[in-house]
Amino acid sequence: MNARITDAILDLVREERARQNVKWRRAPGEWFDPEALKLAVLIEEVGEVGIELQPGGTNEQLKAELVQVAAVAVAWAEMLS
């Protein structure tokens, strides 16, 4: 593990969480939708990862999609805390 790379990726996840909060007009920890909707959002993001794994996908876009998956998972975990 390279701590510098990990820190940089976690910074991207934090930035994506902030964008999500603005996009969905939510404060951190205010994702009150049903669990099934949370799962649907997470699966949709994972699906976008799958698209980037297809021919023509780029590593940069793949990383962006993985960051979005992580950010959605973090948002859900925040609601469980």
C-alpha atoms as a PDB file:
ATOM      1  CA  MET A   1       0.000   0.000   0.000  1.00  0.00           C
ATOM      2  CA  ASN A   2       1.215   3.458  -0.894  1.00  0.00           C
ATOM      3  CA  ALA A   3      -0.100   5.858   1.750  1.00  0.00           C
ATOM      4  CA  ARG A   4       0.258   8.871  -0.542  1.00  0.00           C
ATOM      5  CA  ILE A   5      -1.868   7.270  -3.234  1.00  0.00           C
ATOM      6  CA  THR A   6      -4.418   6.074  -0.677  1.00  0.00           C
ATOM      7  CA  ASP A   7      -4.677   9.566   0.814  1.00  0.00           C
ATOM      8  CA  ALA A   8      -5.144  11.062  -2.651  1.00  0.00           C
ATOM      9  CA  ILE A   9      -7.937   8.592  -3.461  1.00  0.00           C
ATOM     10  CA  LEU A  10      -9.640   9.208  -0.120  1.00  0.00           C
ATOM     11  CA  ASP A  11      -9.493  12.941  -0.846  1.00  0.00           C
ATOM     12  CA  LEU A  12     -11.284  12.247  -4.141  1.00  0.00           C
ATOM     13  CA  VAL A  13     -13.946  10.284  -2.245  1.00  0.00           C
ATOM     14  CA  ARG A  14     -14.418  13.187   0.190  1.00  0.00           C
ATOM     15  CA  GLU A  15     -14.755  15.600  -2.728  1.00  0.00           C
ATOM     16  CA  GLU A  16     -17.296  13.319  -4.406  1.00  0.00           C
ATOM     17  CA  ARG A  17     -19.291  13.100  -1.159  1.00  0.00           C
ATOM     18  CA  ALA A  18     -19.408  16.904  -1.052  1.00  0.00           C
ATOM     19  CA  ARG A  19     -20.601  16.992  -4.691  1.00  0.00           C
ATOM     20  CA  GLN A  20     -23.277  14.409  -3.891  1.00  0.00           C
ATOM     21  CA  ASN A  21     -24.540  16.476  -0.986  1.00  0.00           C
ATOM     22  CA  VAL A  22     -24.832  19.548  -3.216  1.00  0.00           C
ATOM     23  CA  LYS A  23     -26.382  17.587  -6.093  1.00  0.00           C
ATOM     24  CA  TRP A  24     -28.990  15.914  -3.920  1.00  0.00           C
ATOM     25  CA  ARG A  25     -29.353  18.908  -1.552  1.00  0.00           C
ATOM     26  CA  ARG A  26     -28.498  16.867   1.512  1.00  0.00           C
ATOM     27  CA  ALA A  27     -26.386  17.582   4.516  1.00  0.00           C
ATOM     28  CA  PRO A  28     -23.888  14.874   5.487  1.00  0.00           C
ATOM     29  CA  GLY A  29     -25.729  12.000   7.147  1.00  0.00           C
ATOM     30  CA  GLU A  30     -29.152  12.989   5.751  1.00  0.00           C
ATOM     31  CA  TRP A  31     -29.844  10.195   3.295  1.00  0.00           C
ATOM     32  CA  PHE A  32     -33.250   9.072   4.497  1.00  0.00           C
ATOM     33  CA  ASP A  33     -34.370   7.193   1.388  1.00  0.00           C
ATOM     34  CA  PRO A  34     -35.418   3.545   1.763  1.00  0.00           C
ATOM     35  CA  GLU A  35     -32.655   0.952   1.906  1.00  0.00           C
ATOM     36  CA  ALA A  36     -33.763  -0.459  -1.448  1.00  0.00           C
ATOM     37  CA  LEU A  37     -33.168   2.919  -3.100  1.00  0.00           C
ATOM     38  CA  LYS A  38     -29.720   3.175  -1.535  1.00  0.00           C
ATOM     39  CA  LEU A  39     -28.902  -0.265  -2.902  1.00  0.00           C
ATOM     40  CA  ALA A  40     -30.221   0.713  -6.336  1.00  0.00           C
ATOM     41  CA  VAL A  41     -27.980   3.796  -6.388  1.00  0.00           C
ATOM     42  CA  LEU A  42     -24.957   1.741  -5.348  1.00  0.00           C
ATOM     43  CA  ILE A  43     -25.662  -0.948  -7.960  1.00  0.00           C
ATOM     44  CA  GLU A  44     -26.115   1.708 -10.644  1.00  0.00           C
ATOM     45  CA  GLU A  45     -22.685   3.102  -9.805  1.00  0.00           C
ATOM     46  CA  VAL A  46     -21.164  -0.394  -9.878  1.00  0.00           C
ATOM     47  CA  GLY A  47     -22.763  -0.863 -13.287  1.00  0.00           C
ATOM     48  CA  GLU A  48     -20.927   2.214 -14.515  1.00  0.00           C
ATOM     49  CA  VAL A  49     -17.687   0.590 -13.354  1.00  0.00           C
ATOM     50  CA  GLY A  50     -18.607  -2.404 -15.510  1.00  0.00           C
ATOM     51  CA  ILE A  51     -19.123  -0.152 -18.507  1.00  0.00           C
ATOM     52  CA  GLU A  52     -15.647   1.317 -18.089  1.00  0.00           C
ATOM     53  CA  LEU A  53     -14.182  -2.203 -18.060  1.00  0.00           C
ATOM     54  CA  GLN A  54     -15.444  -2.706 -21.602  1.00  0.00           C
ATOM     55  CA  PRO A  55     -13.249  -1.990 -24.625  1.00  0.00           C
ATOM     56  CA  GLY A  56     -12.922   1.760 -25.031  1.00  0.00           C
ATOM     57  CA  GLY A  57     -13.110   2.480 -21.308  1.00  0.00           C
ATOM     58  CA  THR A  58     -10.295   4.510 -19.821  1.00  0.00           C
ATOM     59  CA  ASN A  59      -8.411   4.085 -16.570  1.00  0.00           C
ATOM     60  CA  GLU A  60      -9.165   7.687 -15.642  1.00  0.00           C
ATOM     61  CA  GLN A  61     -12.916   7.220 -16.085  1.00  0.00           C
ATOM     62  CA  LEU A  62     -12.744   3.836 -14.341  1.00  0.00           C
ATOM     63  CA  LYS A  63     -11.083   5.514 -11.357  1.00  0.00           C
ATOM     64  CA  ALA A  64     -13.761   8.222 -11.357  1.00  0.00           C
ATOM     65  CA  GLU A  65     -16.510   5.591 -11.302  1.00  0.00           C
ATOM     66  CA  LEU A  66     -14.808   3.654  -8.508  1.00  0.00           C
ATOM     67  CA  VAL A  67     -14.585   6.871  -6.488  1.00  0.00           C
ATOM     68  CA  GLN A  68     -18.325   7.354  -7.004  1.00  0.00           C
ATOM     69  CA  VAL A  69     -18.996   3.794  -5.790  1.00  0.00           C
ATOM     70  CA  ALA A  70     -16.898   4.467  -2.693  1.00  0.00           C
ATOM     71  CA  ALA A  71     -18.648   7.784  -2.051  1.00  0.00           C
ATOM     72  CA  VAL A  72     -22.105   6.205  -2.279  1.00  0.00           C
ATOM     73  CA  ALA A  73     -20.997   3.452   0.115  1.00  0.00           C
ATOM     74  CA  VAL A  74     -19.636   6.068   2.521  1.00  0.00           C
ATOM     75  CA  ALA A  75     -22.916   8.013   2.371  1.00  0.00           C
ATOM     76  CA  TRP A  76     -24.830   4.872   3.265  1.00  0.00           C
ATOM     77  CA  ALA A  77     -22.412   3.999   6.071  1.00  0.00           C
ATOM     78  CA  GLU A  78     -22.783   7.544   7.439  1.00  0.00           C
ATOM     79  CA  MET A  79     -26.503   6.883   7.846  1.00  0.00           C
ATOM     80  CA  LEU A  80     -25.754   3.781   9.906  1.00  0.00           C
ATOM     81  CA  SER A  81     -23.522   5.669  12.321  1.00  0.00           C
END
